[in-house]
N, C-alpha and C. Protein backbone atom coordinates (compact mmCIF):
# COMPACT_ATOMS: atom_id res chain seq x y z
N MET A 1 112.50 67.83 152.39
CA MET A 1 112.79 66.75 151.42
C MET A 1 113.48 65.64 152.02
N ILE A 2 112.91 64.60 151.76
CA ILE A 2 113.52 63.35 152.36
C ILE A 2 114.41 62.49 151.27
N ASP A 3 115.76 62.39 151.68
CA ASP A 3 116.62 61.56 150.80
C ASP A 3 117.71 61.06 151.65
N LYS A 4 117.73 59.79 151.87
CA LYS A 4 118.67 59.10 152.68
C LYS A 4 118.83 57.55 152.33
N LYS A 5 119.78 56.97 152.80
CA LYS A 5 120.04 55.52 152.69
C LYS A 5 119.41 54.86 153.91
N VAL A 6 118.72 53.66 153.80
CA VAL A 6 118.07 52.99 154.85
C VAL A 6 118.35 51.47 154.44
N GLU A 7 119.42 50.98 155.13
CA GLU A 7 119.75 49.62 155.03
C GLU A 7 119.94 49.32 153.46
N GLN A 8 120.80 50.03 152.84
CA GLN A 8 121.18 49.86 151.46
C GLN A 8 119.88 50.43 150.60
N LEU A 9 118.81 50.75 151.00
CA LEU A 9 117.61 51.35 150.36
C LEU A 9 117.72 52.79 150.11
N HIS A 10 117.19 53.36 149.10
CA HIS A 10 117.08 54.81 148.90
C HIS A 10 115.69 55.23 149.09
N VAL A 11 115.53 56.13 150.02
CA VAL A 11 114.23 56.63 150.26
C VAL A 11 114.25 57.98 149.95
N LYS A 12 113.23 58.51 149.04
CA LYS A 12 112.99 59.81 148.69
C LYS A 12 111.60 60.13 148.32
N ASN A 13 111.36 61.43 148.13
CA ASN A 13 110.01 61.92 147.63
C ASN A 13 109.84 61.51 146.11
N LEU A 14 108.53 61.03 145.79
CA LEU A 14 108.27 60.53 144.52
C LEU A 14 108.54 61.74 143.46
N THR A 15 108.88 61.44 142.35
CA THR A 15 108.89 62.31 141.32
C THR A 15 107.65 62.19 140.39
N ALA A 16 107.36 62.96 139.53
CA ALA A 16 106.18 63.00 138.63
C ALA A 16 106.18 61.63 137.86
N GLU A 17 107.33 61.18 137.41
CA GLU A 17 107.43 59.98 136.55
C GLU A 17 107.11 58.69 137.44
N ASP A 18 107.19 58.73 138.88
CA ASP A 18 106.95 57.67 139.75
C ASP A 18 105.58 57.42 140.03
N ILE A 19 104.66 58.41 139.74
CA ILE A 19 103.25 58.53 140.14
C ILE A 19 102.49 57.34 139.64
N SER A 20 102.51 56.97 138.43
CA SER A 20 101.83 55.94 137.81
C SER A 20 102.19 54.47 138.28
N ILE A 21 103.54 54.30 138.54
CA ILE A 21 104.12 53.08 139.29
C ILE A 21 103.37 53.03 140.75
N ALA A 22 103.45 54.20 141.35
CA ALA A 22 103.06 54.16 142.72
C ALA A 22 101.48 53.84 142.73
N ALA A 23 100.77 54.36 141.81
CA ALA A 23 99.31 54.11 141.80
C ALA A 23 99.10 52.54 141.55
N SER A 24 99.91 51.87 140.66
CA SER A 24 99.78 50.62 140.50
C SER A 24 100.15 49.73 141.83
N LEU A 25 101.08 50.10 142.54
CA LEU A 25 101.50 49.37 143.79
C LEU A 25 100.19 49.39 144.92
N ILE A 26 99.79 50.84 144.90
CA ILE A 26 98.70 51.08 145.88
C ILE A 26 97.38 50.32 145.29
N TYR A 27 97.27 50.18 144.17
CA TYR A 27 95.84 49.48 143.71
C TYR A 27 96.10 47.98 144.03
N GLN A 28 97.21 47.42 143.88
CA GLN A 28 97.36 45.99 144.28
C GLN A 28 97.18 45.70 145.77
N ALA A 29 97.94 46.73 146.58
CA ALA A 29 97.77 46.48 147.85
C ALA A 29 96.34 46.77 148.63
N TYR A 30 95.50 47.64 147.95
CA TYR A 30 94.23 47.91 148.47
C TYR A 30 93.15 47.26 147.69
N HIS A 31 93.38 46.40 146.80
CA HIS A 31 92.30 45.64 145.94
C HIS A 31 91.33 44.97 146.78
N ASP A 32 91.93 44.30 147.78
CA ASP A 32 91.10 43.49 148.55
C ASP A 32 90.82 44.13 150.17
N ASP A 33 90.88 45.58 150.10
CA ASP A 33 90.47 46.21 151.28
C ASP A 33 88.99 45.94 151.57
N PRO A 34 88.62 45.56 152.73
CA PRO A 34 87.22 45.25 152.85
C PRO A 34 86.26 46.46 152.88
N ILE A 35 86.78 47.62 153.48
CA ILE A 35 85.92 48.76 153.43
C ILE A 35 85.66 49.35 151.99
N LEU A 36 86.82 49.26 151.10
CA LEU A 36 86.57 49.74 149.79
C LEU A 36 85.66 48.86 148.99
N GLN A 37 85.76 47.70 149.27
CA GLN A 37 85.10 46.60 148.47
C GLN A 37 83.54 46.76 148.80
N THR A 38 83.30 47.11 150.12
CA THR A 38 81.91 47.35 150.63
C THR A 38 81.41 48.77 149.88
N LEU A 39 82.18 49.71 149.91
CA LEU A 39 81.73 51.15 149.45
C LEU A 39 81.53 51.06 147.90
N PHE A 40 82.49 50.32 147.16
CA PHE A 40 82.30 50.26 145.76
C PHE A 40 81.54 48.88 145.32
N ASN A 41 80.87 48.38 146.12
CA ASN A 41 79.90 47.24 145.95
C ASN A 41 80.66 46.17 145.06
N TYR A 42 81.66 45.80 145.61
CA TYR A 42 82.41 44.60 144.91
C TYR A 42 81.58 43.30 144.83
N GLN A 43 81.52 42.86 143.80
CA GLN A 43 80.95 41.48 143.43
C GLN A 43 82.02 40.80 142.31
N PRO A 44 82.00 39.51 142.63
CA PRO A 44 83.08 38.75 141.71
C PRO A 44 82.57 38.85 140.33
N ASP A 45 81.28 38.95 140.02
CA ASP A 45 80.84 39.08 138.63
C ASP A 45 80.86 40.43 138.01
N THR A 46 81.34 41.50 138.87
CA THR A 46 81.21 42.68 138.24
C THR A 46 82.58 43.38 138.80
N ALA A 47 83.67 42.47 138.87
CA ALA A 47 84.94 42.90 139.42
C ALA A 47 85.61 44.02 138.50
N LYS A 48 85.40 44.01 137.30
CA LYS A 48 85.91 45.13 136.37
C LYS A 48 85.36 46.43 136.76
N ASN A 49 84.01 46.47 137.19
CA ASN A 49 83.43 47.93 137.56
C ASN A 49 84.14 48.31 138.82
N TYR A 50 84.31 47.41 139.69
CA TYR A 50 84.99 47.78 141.02
C TYR A 50 86.37 48.23 140.75
N GLU A 51 87.09 47.51 139.99
CA GLU A 51 88.45 47.90 139.88
C GLU A 51 88.68 49.23 139.11
N LYS A 52 87.72 49.52 138.33
CA LYS A 52 87.63 50.86 137.56
C LYS A 52 87.59 51.93 138.66
N LYS A 53 86.59 51.81 139.54
CA LYS A 53 86.30 52.81 140.47
C LYS A 53 87.46 52.95 141.47
N LEU A 54 88.09 51.79 141.83
CA LEU A 54 89.19 51.90 142.75
C LEU A 54 90.46 52.58 142.12
N ARG A 55 90.75 52.33 140.89
CA ARG A 55 91.85 53.01 140.21
C ARG A 55 91.47 54.60 139.97
N SER A 56 90.22 54.76 139.91
CA SER A 56 89.98 56.23 139.79
C SER A 56 90.14 56.95 141.13
N LEU A 57 89.76 56.30 142.21
CA LEU A 57 90.06 56.78 143.64
C LEU A 57 91.48 57.11 143.66
N ILE A 58 92.27 56.02 143.52
CA ILE A 58 93.66 56.27 143.88
C ILE A 58 94.30 57.27 142.83
N ARG A 59 93.89 57.44 141.68
CA ARG A 59 94.51 58.43 140.86
C ARG A 59 94.09 59.84 141.25
N GLU A 60 92.92 60.05 141.81
CA GLU A 60 92.44 61.42 142.14
C GLU A 60 93.00 61.70 143.68
N GLU A 61 93.16 60.77 144.37
CA GLU A 61 93.99 60.98 145.70
C GLU A 61 95.32 61.27 145.49
N LEU A 62 96.08 60.52 144.64
CA LEU A 62 97.39 61.04 144.48
C LEU A 62 97.61 62.41 143.82
N ASN A 63 96.62 62.68 142.80
CA ASN A 63 96.61 64.18 142.11
C ASN A 63 96.58 65.08 143.24
N SER A 64 95.57 64.92 144.02
CA SER A 64 95.27 65.79 145.21
C SER A 64 96.34 65.96 146.14
N PHE A 65 96.93 64.89 146.53
CA PHE A 65 98.11 65.01 147.42
C PHE A 65 99.24 65.75 146.63
N TRP A 66 99.63 65.36 145.39
CA TRP A 66 100.65 66.08 144.66
C TRP A 66 100.41 67.70 144.61
N GLN A 67 99.19 68.05 144.22
CA GLN A 67 98.88 69.47 144.17
C GLN A 67 99.06 70.15 145.42
N GLU A 68 98.86 69.65 146.70
CA GLU A 68 98.92 70.22 147.90
C GLU A 68 100.32 69.98 148.46
N LYS A 69 101.17 69.21 147.70
CA LYS A 69 102.55 69.20 148.23
C LYS A 69 102.69 68.28 149.57
N GLN A 70 101.66 67.24 149.61
CA GLN A 70 101.73 66.43 150.82
C GLN A 70 102.80 65.31 150.48
N PRO A 71 103.33 64.75 151.56
CA PRO A 71 104.36 63.66 151.43
C PRO A 71 103.81 62.46 150.60
N LEU A 72 104.51 62.27 149.49
CA LEU A 72 104.50 61.01 148.70
C LEU A 72 105.83 60.43 148.61
N ILE A 73 106.14 59.40 149.33
CA ILE A 73 107.39 58.97 149.73
C ILE A 73 107.66 57.56 149.10
N GLY A 74 108.73 57.36 148.35
CA GLY A 74 108.97 56.04 147.73
C GLY A 74 110.26 55.39 148.40
N LEU A 75 110.35 54.01 148.42
CA LEU A 75 111.45 53.38 148.98
C LEU A 75 111.99 52.67 147.67
N TYR A 76 113.39 52.77 147.23
CA TYR A 76 113.78 52.37 146.00
C TYR A 76 115.08 51.44 146.28
N ASN A 77 115.27 50.47 145.42
CA ASN A 77 116.49 49.50 145.30
C ASN A 77 116.84 49.60 143.88
N ASN A 78 118.04 50.17 143.70
CA ASN A 78 118.61 50.23 142.29
C ASN A 78 117.81 51.06 141.34
N GLU A 79 117.06 52.22 142.16
CA GLU A 79 116.24 52.91 141.36
C GLU A 79 114.79 52.38 140.95
N ARG A 80 114.57 51.25 141.48
CA ARG A 80 113.35 50.62 141.32
C ARG A 80 112.42 50.78 142.38
N LEU A 81 111.18 51.16 142.27
CA LEU A 81 110.39 51.64 143.44
C LEU A 81 109.68 50.42 143.97
N LYS A 82 110.18 50.11 145.10
CA LYS A 82 109.74 48.94 145.96
C LYS A 82 108.45 49.08 146.86
N ALA A 83 108.48 50.28 147.46
CA ALA A 83 107.25 50.57 148.39
C ALA A 83 107.12 52.00 148.39
N VAL A 84 105.78 52.34 148.80
CA VAL A 84 105.25 53.66 148.70
C VAL A 84 104.32 54.02 149.87
N THR A 85 104.46 55.28 150.40
CA THR A 85 103.34 55.69 151.34
C THR A 85 102.93 57.12 150.89
N CYS A 86 101.78 57.51 151.10
CA CYS A 86 101.19 58.77 150.90
C CYS A 86 100.52 59.30 152.24
N LEU A 87 100.92 60.51 152.58
CA LEU A 87 100.60 61.09 153.87
C LEU A 87 99.87 62.32 153.59
N PHE A 88 99.19 62.93 154.75
CA PHE A 88 98.87 64.26 154.69
C PHE A 88 99.09 64.75 156.17
N SER A 89 99.42 65.91 156.19
CA SER A 89 99.53 66.62 157.65
C SER A 89 98.19 67.20 158.00
N ALA A 90 97.79 67.12 159.32
CA ALA A 90 96.72 67.50 159.94
C ALA A 90 96.53 68.94 159.68
N ASN A 91 97.59 69.71 159.57
CA ASN A 91 97.36 71.26 159.56
C ASN A 91 97.43 71.71 158.03
N SER A 92 97.32 70.79 156.96
CA SER A 92 97.45 71.20 155.64
C SER A 92 96.13 71.69 155.31
N GLU A 93 96.03 72.23 154.23
CA GLU A 93 94.69 72.72 153.70
C GLU A 93 93.95 71.70 152.93
N LEU A 94 94.52 70.40 152.85
CA LEU A 94 93.86 69.28 152.21
C LEU A 94 92.87 68.68 153.17
N GLN A 95 91.50 69.21 152.90
CA GLN A 95 90.42 68.68 153.77
C GLN A 95 89.65 67.48 153.26
N ALA A 96 88.97 66.86 154.16
CA ALA A 96 88.35 65.71 153.70
C ALA A 96 87.55 65.78 152.48
N GLU A 97 87.04 66.97 152.06
CA GLU A 97 86.32 67.10 150.92
C GLU A 97 87.10 67.41 149.69
N ARG A 98 88.44 67.54 149.94
CA ARG A 98 89.43 67.76 148.86
C ARG A 98 89.01 69.09 148.08
N PHE A 99 89.23 69.05 146.69
CA PHE A 99 88.82 70.08 145.87
C PHE A 99 87.57 69.87 145.14
N TRP A 100 86.94 70.85 144.65
CA TRP A 100 85.71 70.66 143.99
C TRP A 100 85.92 69.65 142.70
N HIS A 101 87.00 69.85 141.97
CA HIS A 101 87.24 69.01 140.95
C HIS A 101 87.61 67.54 141.23
N TRP A 102 88.23 67.41 142.45
CA TRP A 102 88.26 65.96 142.82
C TRP A 102 86.95 65.41 143.21
N ARG A 103 86.04 66.17 143.65
CA ARG A 103 84.82 65.45 144.19
C ARG A 103 83.97 65.24 142.93
N LEU A 104 84.02 66.15 141.80
CA LEU A 104 83.34 65.89 140.62
C LEU A 104 83.84 64.70 139.87
N LYS A 105 85.05 64.73 139.78
CA LYS A 105 85.66 63.47 139.05
C LYS A 105 85.44 62.10 139.60
N LEU A 106 85.62 62.14 141.05
CA LEU A 106 85.29 60.88 141.72
C LEU A 106 83.77 60.63 141.70
N MET A 107 82.88 61.53 141.76
CA MET A 107 81.55 61.30 141.73
C MET A 107 81.28 60.60 140.44
N LEU A 108 81.78 61.18 139.31
CA LEU A 108 81.48 60.67 137.81
C LEU A 108 81.98 59.32 137.70
N SER A 109 83.10 58.92 138.43
CA SER A 109 83.68 57.57 138.12
C SER A 109 83.40 56.67 139.19
N ALA A 110 83.31 57.11 140.54
CA ALA A 110 82.77 56.09 141.59
C ALA A 110 81.39 56.11 141.98
N GLY A 111 80.72 57.41 141.76
CA GLY A 111 79.47 57.59 142.18
C GLY A 111 79.26 58.57 143.39
N TYR A 112 77.93 59.12 143.36
CA TYR A 112 77.91 60.18 144.30
C TYR A 112 77.65 59.79 145.72
N ILE A 113 77.06 58.56 146.02
CA ILE A 113 77.01 58.14 147.39
C ILE A 113 78.32 57.70 147.87
N GLN A 114 79.03 57.02 147.09
CA GLN A 114 80.36 56.42 147.51
C GLN A 114 81.22 57.45 147.82
N THR A 115 81.32 58.53 146.97
CA THR A 115 82.14 59.78 147.31
C THR A 115 81.90 60.35 148.52
N ASN A 116 80.46 60.61 148.82
CA ASN A 116 80.17 61.18 150.15
C ASN A 116 80.57 60.20 151.43
N GLN A 117 80.50 58.95 151.10
CA GLN A 117 80.87 57.95 152.18
C GLN A 117 82.22 58.07 152.45
N LEU A 118 83.17 58.21 151.44
CA LEU A 118 84.62 58.22 151.59
C LEU A 118 84.89 59.50 152.31
N ILE A 119 84.22 60.78 152.00
CA ILE A 119 84.41 61.90 152.75
C ILE A 119 83.96 61.94 154.26
N LYS A 120 82.77 61.15 154.43
CA LYS A 120 82.47 60.92 155.94
C LYS A 120 83.47 60.02 156.57
N LYS A 121 84.00 59.08 156.15
CA LYS A 121 84.92 58.30 156.67
C LYS A 121 86.22 59.01 157.14
N GLU A 122 86.60 59.75 156.18
CA GLU A 122 87.88 60.57 156.56
C GLU A 122 87.53 61.55 157.63
N LYS A 123 86.30 62.31 157.50
CA LYS A 123 86.07 63.30 158.57
C LYS A 123 85.91 62.66 159.93
N THR A 124 85.39 61.32 160.01
CA THR A 124 85.19 60.60 161.23
C THR A 124 86.58 60.45 161.83
N ILE A 125 87.55 59.85 161.06
CA ILE A 125 88.90 59.63 161.40
C ILE A 125 89.55 60.90 162.00
N ARG A 126 89.39 61.95 161.26
CA ARG A 126 89.94 63.25 161.65
C ARG A 126 89.44 63.72 162.87
N ASP A 127 88.17 63.62 163.12
CA ASP A 127 87.66 64.08 164.52
C ASP A 127 88.27 63.30 165.65
N GLU A 128 88.58 62.00 165.36
CA GLU A 128 89.12 61.18 166.45
C GLU A 128 90.55 61.32 166.79
N LEU A 129 91.14 62.31 165.74
CA LEU A 129 92.61 62.44 165.92
C LEU A 129 92.88 63.96 166.37
N ASN A 130 91.74 64.65 166.41
CA ASN A 130 91.93 66.18 166.74
C ASN A 130 92.83 66.34 167.92
N ARG A 131 92.51 65.43 168.92
CA ARG A 131 93.51 65.62 170.19
C ARG A 131 94.86 65.60 169.98
N PHE A 132 95.28 64.97 168.83
CA PHE A 132 96.73 64.84 168.68
C PHE A 132 97.41 65.96 167.85
N GLY A 133 96.67 66.97 167.77
CA GLY A 133 97.19 68.13 167.15
C GLY A 133 97.83 68.00 165.79
N ASN A 134 98.88 68.41 165.45
CA ASN A 134 99.53 68.38 164.23
C ASN A 134 100.13 66.97 163.89
N TYR A 135 99.45 66.07 163.51
CA TYR A 135 99.83 64.76 163.20
C TYR A 135 100.06 64.54 161.63
N TYR A 136 100.58 63.35 161.24
CA TYR A 136 100.56 62.98 159.81
C TYR A 136 99.77 61.63 159.79
N TYR A 137 98.85 61.60 158.82
CA TYR A 137 98.04 60.46 158.62
C TYR A 137 98.37 59.59 157.36
N LEU A 138 98.63 58.32 157.57
CA LEU A 138 99.03 57.50 156.40
C LEU A 138 97.85 57.06 155.66
N ALA A 139 97.60 57.73 154.52
CA ALA A 139 96.41 57.42 153.78
C ALA A 139 96.62 56.00 153.01
N PHE A 140 97.77 55.98 152.56
CA PHE A 140 98.22 54.62 151.77
C PHE A 140 99.58 54.18 152.25
N ILE A 141 99.79 52.96 152.16
CA ILE A 141 101.18 52.33 152.21
C ILE A 141 101.18 51.00 151.56
N ALA A 142 102.04 50.75 150.49
CA ALA A 142 102.08 49.68 149.70
C ALA A 142 103.40 49.21 149.43
N VAL A 143 103.60 47.96 149.15
CA VAL A 143 104.94 47.17 148.87
C VAL A 143 104.47 46.40 147.71
N ASP A 144 105.56 46.68 146.83
CA ASP A 144 105.51 45.71 145.61
C ASP A 144 105.13 44.21 145.89
N PRO A 145 104.09 43.50 145.49
CA PRO A 145 103.73 42.32 145.79
C PRO A 145 104.89 41.38 145.54
N HIS A 146 105.70 41.49 144.65
CA HIS A 146 106.78 40.65 144.28
C HIS A 146 107.85 40.72 145.25
N PHE A 147 107.85 41.63 146.12
CA PHE A 147 108.89 41.77 147.17
C PHE A 147 108.44 41.86 148.72
N GLN A 148 107.26 41.48 148.88
CA GLN A 148 106.66 41.38 150.22
C GLN A 148 107.24 40.48 151.10
N GLY A 149 107.36 40.82 152.39
CA GLY A 149 107.94 40.07 153.31
C GLY A 149 109.46 39.91 153.46
N GLN A 150 110.10 40.97 152.58
CA GLN A 150 111.46 41.25 152.62
C GLN A 150 111.89 42.59 153.40
N GLY A 151 110.98 43.07 154.18
CA GLY A 151 111.42 44.18 154.98
C GLY A 151 111.33 45.46 154.45
N TYR A 152 110.75 45.71 153.33
CA TYR A 152 110.68 46.92 152.64
C TYR A 152 109.59 47.87 153.23
N GLY A 153 108.49 47.27 153.78
CA GLY A 153 107.54 48.25 154.47
C GLY A 153 107.92 48.73 155.78
N ARG A 154 108.67 47.84 156.41
CA ARG A 154 109.21 48.21 157.66
C ARG A 154 110.20 49.34 157.44
N ALA A 155 111.11 49.11 156.47
CA ALA A 155 112.25 50.17 156.31
C ALA A 155 111.56 51.51 155.95
N LEU A 156 110.41 51.50 155.09
CA LEU A 156 109.76 52.77 154.82
C LEU A 156 109.12 53.47 155.96
N LEU A 157 108.59 52.66 156.82
CA LEU A 157 107.97 53.24 157.98
C LEU A 157 109.01 53.86 158.97
N GLN A 158 110.11 53.21 159.05
CA GLN A 158 111.17 53.74 159.92
C GLN A 158 111.82 55.03 159.23
N ALA A 159 111.88 55.21 158.14
CA ALA A 159 112.31 56.19 157.39
C ALA A 159 111.40 57.43 157.43
N LEU A 160 110.16 57.14 157.80
CA LEU A 160 109.35 58.43 158.03
C LEU A 160 109.53 59.25 159.09
N ASP A 161 110.66 58.70 160.12
CA ASP A 161 110.99 59.56 161.25
C ASP A 161 111.55 60.79 160.65
N ASP A 162 112.09 60.91 159.46
CA ASP A 162 112.85 62.05 158.95
C ASP A 162 111.75 63.14 158.72
N LEU A 163 110.59 62.93 158.56
CA LEU A 163 109.62 63.85 158.42
C LEU A 163 109.41 64.69 159.81
N LEU A 164 109.64 64.10 160.92
CA LEU A 164 109.54 64.70 162.24
C LEU A 164 110.61 65.79 162.31
N ASN A 165 111.77 65.46 161.61
CA ASN A 165 112.94 66.39 161.59
C ASN A 165 112.60 67.50 160.85
N THR A 166 111.97 67.52 159.66
CA THR A 166 111.54 68.58 159.02
C THR A 166 110.25 69.38 159.53
N ASN A 167 109.49 68.56 160.41
CA ASN A 167 108.36 69.24 161.00
C ASN A 167 108.35 69.08 162.44
N PRO A 168 109.17 69.62 163.27
CA PRO A 168 109.30 69.37 164.66
C PRO A 168 108.02 69.55 165.54
N THR A 169 107.16 70.20 165.08
CA THR A 169 105.81 70.29 165.85
C THR A 169 104.87 69.25 165.61
N SER A 170 105.31 68.21 164.80
CA SER A 170 104.33 67.19 164.64
C SER A 170 104.29 66.18 165.92
N SER A 171 103.15 65.69 166.22
CA SER A 171 103.00 64.92 167.20
C SER A 171 103.20 63.38 167.01
N GLY A 172 103.19 62.94 165.67
CA GLY A 172 103.33 61.56 165.37
C GLY A 172 102.57 61.33 164.11
N PHE A 173 102.38 59.93 164.00
CA PHE A 173 101.75 59.26 162.82
C PHE A 173 100.40 58.44 163.10
N ALA A 174 99.44 58.67 162.27
CA ALA A 174 98.23 57.94 162.38
C ALA A 174 97.88 57.03 161.27
N VAL A 175 97.38 55.72 161.48
CA VAL A 175 96.79 54.99 160.42
C VAL A 175 95.64 54.21 160.85
N PHE A 176 94.85 54.00 159.77
CA PHE A 176 93.58 53.14 160.10
C PHE A 176 93.63 51.92 159.24
N VAL A 177 93.62 50.84 160.13
CA VAL A 177 93.90 49.32 159.56
C VAL A 177 92.59 48.66 159.58
N THR A 178 92.36 48.28 158.41
CA THR A 178 91.11 47.42 158.21
C THR A 178 91.28 45.95 158.00
N ARG A 179 92.53 45.45 158.04
CA ARG A 179 92.92 44.05 157.81
C ARG A 179 93.67 43.63 159.07
N HIS A 180 92.94 42.66 159.61
CA HIS A 180 93.56 42.32 160.91
C HIS A 180 95.01 41.87 161.00
N GLU A 181 95.54 41.19 160.02
CA GLU A 181 96.75 40.73 159.92
C GLU A 181 97.81 41.72 159.90
N HIS A 182 97.36 43.05 159.62
CA HIS A 182 98.40 44.06 159.60
C HIS A 182 98.62 44.76 160.92
N ASN A 183 97.69 44.62 161.90
CA ASN A 183 97.80 45.17 163.09
C ASN A 183 99.07 44.84 163.90
N ALA A 184 99.56 43.54 163.94
CA ALA A 184 100.80 43.19 164.56
C ALA A 184 101.95 43.89 163.96
N PHE A 185 101.97 44.06 162.57
CA PHE A 185 103.05 44.83 161.90
C PHE A 185 103.15 46.30 162.39
N PHE A 186 102.09 47.01 162.50
CA PHE A 186 102.09 48.34 162.97
C PHE A 186 102.51 48.48 164.48
N ALA A 187 101.91 47.57 165.28
CA ALA A 187 102.35 47.46 166.69
C ALA A 187 103.75 47.21 166.85
N SER A 188 104.43 46.44 166.04
CA SER A 188 105.92 46.27 166.18
C SER A 188 106.62 47.50 165.86
N GLU A 189 105.99 48.47 165.20
CA GLU A 189 106.89 49.76 164.78
C GLU A 189 106.28 50.81 165.75
N GLY A 190 105.71 50.61 166.84
CA GLY A 190 105.38 51.66 167.79
C GLY A 190 104.05 52.25 167.66
N PHE A 191 103.24 51.69 166.76
CA PHE A 191 101.64 52.21 166.72
C PHE A 191 101.02 51.57 167.75
N GLU A 192 100.09 52.33 168.49
CA GLU A 192 99.23 52.00 169.56
C GLU A 192 97.79 52.07 169.18
N TYR A 193 97.09 51.29 169.88
CA TYR A 193 95.57 51.19 169.53
C TYR A 193 94.96 52.45 170.04
N ILE A 194 94.05 53.02 169.30
CA ILE A 194 93.35 54.32 169.85
C ILE A 194 91.83 53.96 169.90
N LYS A 195 91.22 53.48 168.87
CA LYS A 195 89.74 53.17 168.86
C LYS A 195 89.38 52.26 167.57
N LYS A 196 88.44 51.61 168.01
CA LYS A 196 87.86 50.86 166.92
C LYS A 196 86.66 51.59 166.14
N LEU A 197 86.58 51.63 164.75
CA LEU A 197 85.71 52.45 164.09
C LEU A 197 85.12 51.46 163.11
N GLU A 198 83.84 51.65 162.71
CA GLU A 198 83.06 51.01 161.80
C GLU A 198 82.54 51.83 160.77
N PHE A 199 82.74 51.47 159.54
CA PHE A 199 82.10 51.98 158.23
C PHE A 199 81.41 50.96 157.44
N ASN A 200 80.20 51.25 156.98
CA ASN A 200 79.38 50.24 156.28
C ASN A 200 79.59 48.88 156.67
N HIS A 201 79.46 48.68 158.08
CA HIS A 201 79.55 47.39 158.91
C HIS A 201 80.87 46.60 158.80
N VAL A 202 81.84 47.33 158.32
CA VAL A 202 83.21 46.86 158.45
C VAL A 202 83.98 47.61 159.39
N SER A 203 84.71 46.92 160.25
CA SER A 203 85.34 47.61 161.47
C SER A 203 86.85 47.50 161.13
N GLY A 204 87.52 48.46 161.73
CA GLY A 204 89.14 48.66 161.57
C GLY A 204 89.56 49.26 162.87
N GLN A 205 90.91 49.58 162.97
CA GLN A 205 91.49 49.92 164.12
C GLN A 205 92.27 51.31 163.98
N LEU A 206 92.00 52.25 164.58
CA LEU A 206 92.83 53.55 164.39
C LEU A 206 93.96 53.34 165.44
N LEU A 207 95.21 53.55 164.79
CA LEU A 207 96.46 53.39 165.49
C LEU A 207 97.25 54.75 165.41
N PHE A 208 97.91 54.87 166.40
CA PHE A 208 98.79 56.17 166.43
C PHE A 208 100.19 55.90 166.97
N LYS A 209 101.22 56.44 166.49
CA LYS A 209 102.62 56.32 166.74
C LYS A 209 103.16 57.67 167.35
N SER A 210 103.28 57.93 168.59
CA SER A 210 103.67 59.23 169.18
C SER A 210 105.04 59.41 169.02
N VAL A 211 105.44 60.82 168.92
CA VAL A 211 106.85 61.24 168.91
C VAL A 211 107.56 60.91 170.22
N LYS A 212 108.64 60.27 170.11
CA LYS A 212 109.38 59.92 171.33
C LYS A 212 110.20 60.97 172.02
C-alpha cells in the first residue's frame, strides 16, 4: 500500500470511488495518442465513434487492473485527484490477452481487429522487456489538464519508488512513449532509451528506469 506525503501532495492507491475520475483524466491525456488514433481509425468527421472506443478501452483496462490488484495510484491535493498512473507487474497473472470477458467487451465496443492489434502491441513490448525480469510497466500516466506544468506528473513518478520498497525483487519501471515531446520528461526522471518500436506505421520509444 502506497500512502505518503510528496511535496505537500498526498499519494495513495485509488479507491473504487476514484476510478471514474481516473478514467476521465486518462481519456483526456490519451485522446491524441497517435497509435490509439490509428488503431481506432480516428477521423475528424467520426470523432464521436473514436471517443466511444477509447472510453471503452480505458474502462475495460481499469477494470482488469482493479480485478488483478495491480497498482492504480493517484496523486491528490486536498483530496482532489490531480494525477494518476496505472501499472502492471511483469510477474502478475495479467497477460496481454487479459480475461475472456475483457476481450469480448472490447471486441464488441472497439472491434475484433483493433482488440487483436492492442494485444499484439502489448505482447511485442513484453517480449522486448523480458530481459529485465520482474519490472513494472506504466500502462497509463495522466495529469489533470487544468494543472499540467505544475510538477504533478513528476511528483507522481518520484513517488513510484515506494513500489520498489514493497517489491524489492523488481528491476525497475518501463514505459512506451509515442509522443516525442514526452521523451525529455521521462529522461529527466532517469528513464533510458531501450528500443524504437513501430505499430501501424506509428513509432514510439520504449524506455526503462533501472533500480539504483
